[in-house]
Protein backbone atom coordinates (compact mmCIF):
# COMPACT_ATOMS: atom_id res chain seq x y z
CA MET A 1 0.00 0.00 0.00
CA ILE A 2 1.33 3.45 -0.94
CA ASP A 3 2.21 5.70 2.01
CA TYR A 4 0.84 9.02 0.72
CA ASP A 5 1.78 10.89 3.89
CA ARG A 6 5.42 9.92 3.28
CA LEU A 7 5.17 11.07 -0.33
CA HIS A 8 3.69 14.43 0.66
CA LYS A 9 6.52 14.97 3.13
CA LEU A 10 9.03 14.21 0.37
CA TRP A 11 7.31 16.59 -2.07
CA ASP A 12 7.17 19.28 0.60
CA LYS A 13 10.95 19.01 1.02
CA THR A 14 11.68 19.33 -2.68
CA HIS A 15 9.20 22.18 -3.20
CA ALA A 16 10.57 24.00 -0.16
CA VAL A 17 14.03 24.43 -1.69
CA GLY A 18 12.56 25.43 -5.03
CA SER A 19 10.96 23.45 -7.82
CA PRO A 20 11.21 25.10 -11.26
CA ILE A 21 9.16 22.27 -12.79
CA LYS A 22 6.27 22.91 -10.40
CA PHE A 23 6.61 26.66 -10.97
CA VAL A 24 6.25 26.37 -14.75
CA ARG A 25 3.50 23.72 -14.51
CA ASP A 26 1.50 25.87 -12.10
CA LYS A 27 1.66 28.83 -14.45
CA VAL A 28 -0.05 26.67 -17.09
CA VAL A 29 -2.52 25.04 -14.67
CA PHE A 30 -3.63 28.26 -12.97
CA LYS A 31 -4.18 29.92 -16.35
CA GLU A 32 -6.53 27.07 -17.33
CA LEU A 33 -8.31 27.12 -13.97
CA ASP A 34 -8.79 30.87 -14.18
CA SER A 35 -10.70 30.42 -17.44
CA LEU A 36 -13.28 28.06 -15.90
CA VAL A 37 -16.80 29.36 -15.33
CA PRO A 38 -17.59 29.23 -11.58
CA GLY A 39 -19.71 26.23 -10.68
CA ILE A 40 -19.51 22.94 -8.82
CA ALA A 41 -15.88 21.80 -8.95
CA LEU A 42 -14.01 18.65 -7.95
CA ASP A 43 -10.31 18.55 -7.11
CA ALA A 44 -9.41 14.87 -7.47
CA GLY A 45 -6.16 14.18 -5.63
CA CYS A 46 -6.08 17.68 -4.19
CA GLY A 47 -2.84 17.36 -2.21
CA THR A 48 -2.50 20.28 0.18
CA GLY A 49 -5.18 22.21 -1.67
CA GLU A 50 -3.63 25.06 -3.64
CA TYR A 51 -5.87 24.42 -6.65
CA SER A 52 -8.96 23.91 -4.48
CA ILE A 53 -8.36 27.23 -2.76
CA PHE A 54 -7.69 28.98 -6.08
CA LEU A 55 -11.05 27.75 -7.41
CA ALA A 56 -12.96 28.53 -4.20
CA GLU A 57 -11.61 32.09 -4.16
CA ARG A 58 -13.05 32.53 -7.66
CA GLY A 59 -16.55 31.48 -6.75
CA HIS A 60 -16.49 27.72 -7.32
CA LYS A 61 -18.18 25.40 -4.84
CA VAL A 62 -15.34 22.92 -4.31
CA THR A 63 -15.25 19.30 -3.24
CA ALA A 64 -11.71 18.00 -2.79
CA PHE A 65 -10.21 14.69 -1.79
CA ASP A 66 -6.83 13.09 -1.29
CA PRO A 67 -5.66 9.75 0.19
CA SER A 68 -3.24 11.52 2.55
CA PRO A 69 -4.53 12.62 5.99
CA LEU A 70 -1.53 14.95 6.20
CA ALA A 71 -2.51 16.68 2.96
CA ILE A 72 -6.16 17.12 3.94
CA GLU A 73 -5.10 18.56 7.30
CA ALA A 74 -2.82 21.03 5.50
CA LEU A 75 -5.66 22.06 3.17
CA LEU A 76 -7.97 22.83 6.09
CA GLU A 77 -5.20 24.82 7.77
CA LYS A 78 -4.88 26.95 4.60
CA ASN A 79 -8.38 28.41 5.03
CA GLY A 80 -10.05 25.45 3.38
CA SER A 81 -12.76 25.45 6.04
CA ASN A 82 -13.32 29.22 5.79
CA LEU A 83 -13.79 28.88 2.05
CA GLU A 84 -16.28 26.05 2.66
CA ILE A 85 -14.28 23.51 0.71
CA ASN A 86 -15.68 20.02 1.23
CA ALA A 87 -12.37 18.26 1.93
CA GLN A 88 -12.40 14.47 2.20
CA LEU A 89 -9.96 11.65 2.79
CA ASN A 90 -10.58 9.52 -0.28
CA THR A 91 -9.32 8.08 -3.58
CA ILE A 92 -10.64 8.32 -7.13
CA ASP A 93 -11.60 4.67 -6.98
CA GLU A 94 -13.60 4.98 -3.75
CA PHE A 95 -15.03 8.48 -4.16
CA CYS A 96 -18.81 8.60 -4.66
CA SER A 97 -21.06 11.56 -5.36
CA SER A 98 -24.69 12.01 -6.34
CA LEU A 99 -23.63 15.33 -7.88
CA LYS A 100 -22.19 15.79 -11.33
CA PHE A 101 -19.46 18.41 -11.52
CA ASP A 102 -19.16 21.40 -13.84
CA SER A 103 -15.38 21.12 -13.68
CA ILE A 104 -12.78 18.65 -12.47
CA VAL A 105 -9.11 19.29 -11.82
CA SER A 106 -6.59 16.49 -11.30
CA VAL A 107 -2.99 17.66 -11.21
CA GLU A 108 -0.16 15.07 -11.20
CA VAL A 109 -2.43 12.25 -10.02
CA ILE A 110 -3.15 9.58 -12.63
CA GLU A 111 0.54 8.65 -13.04
CA HIS A 112 0.32 7.40 -9.44
CA ILE A 113 -2.45 4.94 -10.33
CA ALA A 114 -1.68 1.51 -11.76
CA HIS A 115 -4.75 1.49 -14.02
CA ASP A 116 -4.87 5.11 -15.14
CA TYR A 117 -7.63 4.47 -17.67
CA VAL A 118 -9.95 3.26 -14.89
CA ALA A 119 -9.34 6.48 -12.94
CA LEU A 120 -9.98 8.64 -16.00
CA GLN A 121 -13.16 6.74 -16.80
CA LYS A 122 -14.36 7.38 -13.23
CA LEU A 123 -13.64 11.10 -13.58
CA TYR A 124 -15.51 11.12 -16.89
CA THR A 125 -18.63 9.72 -15.20
CA LEU A 126 -18.43 12.40 -12.49
CA LEU A 127 -18.37 15.25 -15.02
CA LYS A 128 -21.54 16.94 -16.27
CA LYS A 129 -22.30 16.86 -19.97
CA GLY A 130 -20.43 19.84 -21.35
CA GLY A 131 -18.24 20.02 -18.24
CA VAL A 132 -14.51 20.72 -18.40
CA MET A 133 -11.62 18.76 -16.94
CA VAL A 134 -8.08 20.05 -16.39
CA VAL A 135 -5.58 17.22 -15.90
CA SER A 136 -1.79 17.18 -15.85
CA VAL A 137 0.80 14.40 -16.07
CA PRO A 138 4.62 14.12 -16.22
CA GLY A 139 5.85 13.92 -19.79
CA THR A 140 8.30 12.15 -22.10
CA ARG A 141 8.66 8.43 -21.41
CA PHE A 142 12.44 8.13 -21.64
CA LEU A 143 12.82 10.63 -18.78
CA TYR A 144 11.30 8.07 -16.41
CA GLY A 145 13.81 7.20 -13.69
CA GLU A 146 14.43 6.49 -10.04
CA THR A 147 13.04 9.85 -8.92
CA ASP A 148 9.75 8.92 -10.60
CA LYS A 149 9.73 5.60 -8.77
CA ILE A 150 10.49 7.26 -5.44
CA SER A 151 7.63 9.70 -6.10
CA GLY A 152 5.22 6.84 -6.72
CA HIS A 153 4.94 7.28 -10.48
CA PHE A 154 3.98 4.22 -12.51
CA ARG A 155 4.80 6.00 -15.77
CA ARG A 156 5.44 9.11 -17.79
CA TYR A 157 3.44 9.93 -20.91
CA SER A 158 4.08 10.98 -24.45
CA LYS A 159 1.87 13.79 -25.71
CA VAL A 160 0.31 11.47 -28.29
CA THR A 161 -0.39 8.70 -25.78
CA PHE A 162 -1.88 11.13 -23.26
CA LYS A 163 -4.27 12.63 -25.82
CA LYS A 164 -5.18 9.19 -27.15
CA LEU A 165 -6.01 8.00 -23.63
CA LEU A 166 -8.33 10.95 -23.03
CA THR A 167 -10.01 10.35 -26.40
CA MET A 168 -10.56 6.67 -25.60
CA MET A 169 -12.31 7.64 -22.35
CA GLY A 170 -14.79 9.75 -24.30
CA PHE A 171 -13.44 13.26 -23.75
CA THR A 172 -13.72 15.79 -26.59
CA ASP A 173 -12.25 19.21 -27.47
CA ILE A 174 -8.94 17.99 -26.07
CA LYS A 175 -6.14 20.55 -25.94
CA VAL A 176 -2.77 19.44 -24.58
CA ARG A 177 -0.11 21.99 -23.62
CA SER A 178 3.47 20.79 -23.19
CA TYR A 179 5.78 22.68 -20.87
CA GLY A 180 9.40 22.59 -19.77
CA PHE A 181 11.28 22.63 -23.09
CA PRO A 182 14.13 23.26 -23.54
CA VAL A 183 15.57 24.22 -20.13
CA LEU A 184 13.77 21.83 -17.80
CA PHE A 185 13.89 19.06 -20.40
CA VAL A 186 17.69 19.27 -20.54
CA TYR A 187 17.83 19.60 -16.76
CA LEU A 188 15.94 16.32 -16.29
CA ILE A 189 18.21 14.50 -18.74
CA PHE A 190 21.31 15.62 -16.82
CA ARG A 191 19.61 14.86 -13.51
CA LYS A 192 18.79 11.35 -14.62
CA ILE A 193 22.29 10.65 -15.93
CA LEU A 194 24.45 12.37 -13.33
CA PHE A 195 22.64 13.44 -10.17
CA GLU A 196 19.63 11.20 -9.60
CA LYS A 197 21.07 8.96 -6.85
CA MET A 198 22.59 11.92 -5.03
CA LEU A 199 19.33 13.87 -5.04
CA ILE A 200 17.31 10.86 -3.90
CA LYS A 201 19.69 10.34 -0.98
CA HIS A 202 19.60 14.01 -0.05
CA PHE A 203 15.84 14.46 -0.03
CA SER A 204 15.25 11.10 1.61
CA THR A 205 17.57 11.70 4.56
CA ASN A 206 18.24 15.40 5.05
CA SER A 207 16.22 18.41 6.06
CA CYS A 208 16.32 21.22 3.55
CA ASP A 209 17.19 24.88 3.91
CA ARG A 210 13.91 26.32 2.68
CA LYS A 211 14.99 29.94 2.54
CA SER A 212 18.37 29.85 0.80
CA GLY A 213 17.55 27.25 -1.85
CA SER A 214 14.22 28.78 -2.70
CA ASN A 215 15.65 32.30 -3.10
CA ILE A 216 18.46 31.14 -5.39
CA LEU A 217 16.20 29.17 -7.71
CA LYS A 218 13.47 31.80 -7.85
CA LYS A 219 15.89 34.22 -9.48
CA ILE A 220 16.06 32.04 -12.60
CA TYR A 221 12.34 31.12 -12.78
CA PRO A 222 11.33 34.06 -15.03
CA TYR A 223 14.01 33.13 -17.59
CA ILE A 224 12.92 29.48 -17.64
CA LEU A 225 9.31 30.55 -18.15
CA ALA A 226 10.23 33.00 -20.91
CA LEU A 227 12.08 30.32 -22.89
CA ASP A 228 9.22 27.88 -22.31
CA HIS A 229 6.80 30.22 -24.11
CA PHE A 230 8.87 30.00 -27.29
CA SER A 231 8.83 26.20 -27.46
CA LEU A 232 7.36 24.81 -30.69
CA THR A 233 7.93 21.12 -29.93
CA SER A 234 5.65 18.54 -28.36
CA LEU A 235 8.50 17.49 -26.09
CA GLY A 236 8.20 18.56 -22.48
CA VAL A 237 8.70 17.53 -18.90
CA GLY A 238 4.93 17.45 -18.53
CA TYR A 239 1.56 18.04 -20.17
CA VAL A 240 -1.55 19.91 -19.08
CA ALA A 241 -4.77 18.99 -20.87
CA THR A 242 -8.17 20.63 -20.94
CA CYS A 243 -11.05 18.57 -22.30
CA LYS A 244 -14.83 18.34 -22.25
CA LYS A 245 -17.45 15.66 -21.81
């Protein structure tokens, strides 16, 4: 059984010292979420709730769930209760609702599930006709390595495979945005070849200096994002899709 509390602690460490991949991905995700018409929203695999809170602050009535008690507790501590977010300890497989949702967001979730197509089919059934889903996954299969395994990833996706999977589940109007090329793409290649074992050991055993690492990396974030906007390739470190039922 996957220890999701352990995974959230690991992710918190890595994000604390600065995560350019998360920074660029969030720029894409938040832009898509900001375009959604306020309604009844589901955050499937909400983590500590940043996307749930973003939606609630923009007038959505949000239901959110995650299999980690630690993550749900963190969400409620971030004003989740004041925003009237219905936060639950749950999984996609076990979640049940008599409601159909106007929008569903699932960020970096389905790669953690052995049978991703089953999870996507479940999300499809929870969406209203004409509803919109925003879903993101890690990209480019050959980048898969030990850090993916440590993070609980079963796989990475190609852009073609990801879009094909969504199509097979019945989704329409599918738009897939790749991000992270060229800078983060090259960074992951070098990390996999040269630094992967060292980084795994560091984040698995050591506490991190949140302030110094974060400040150093944040200085280069705008340049990474600027280069990312000029990318014309389907290659990327991840993909963010919007699609309809």
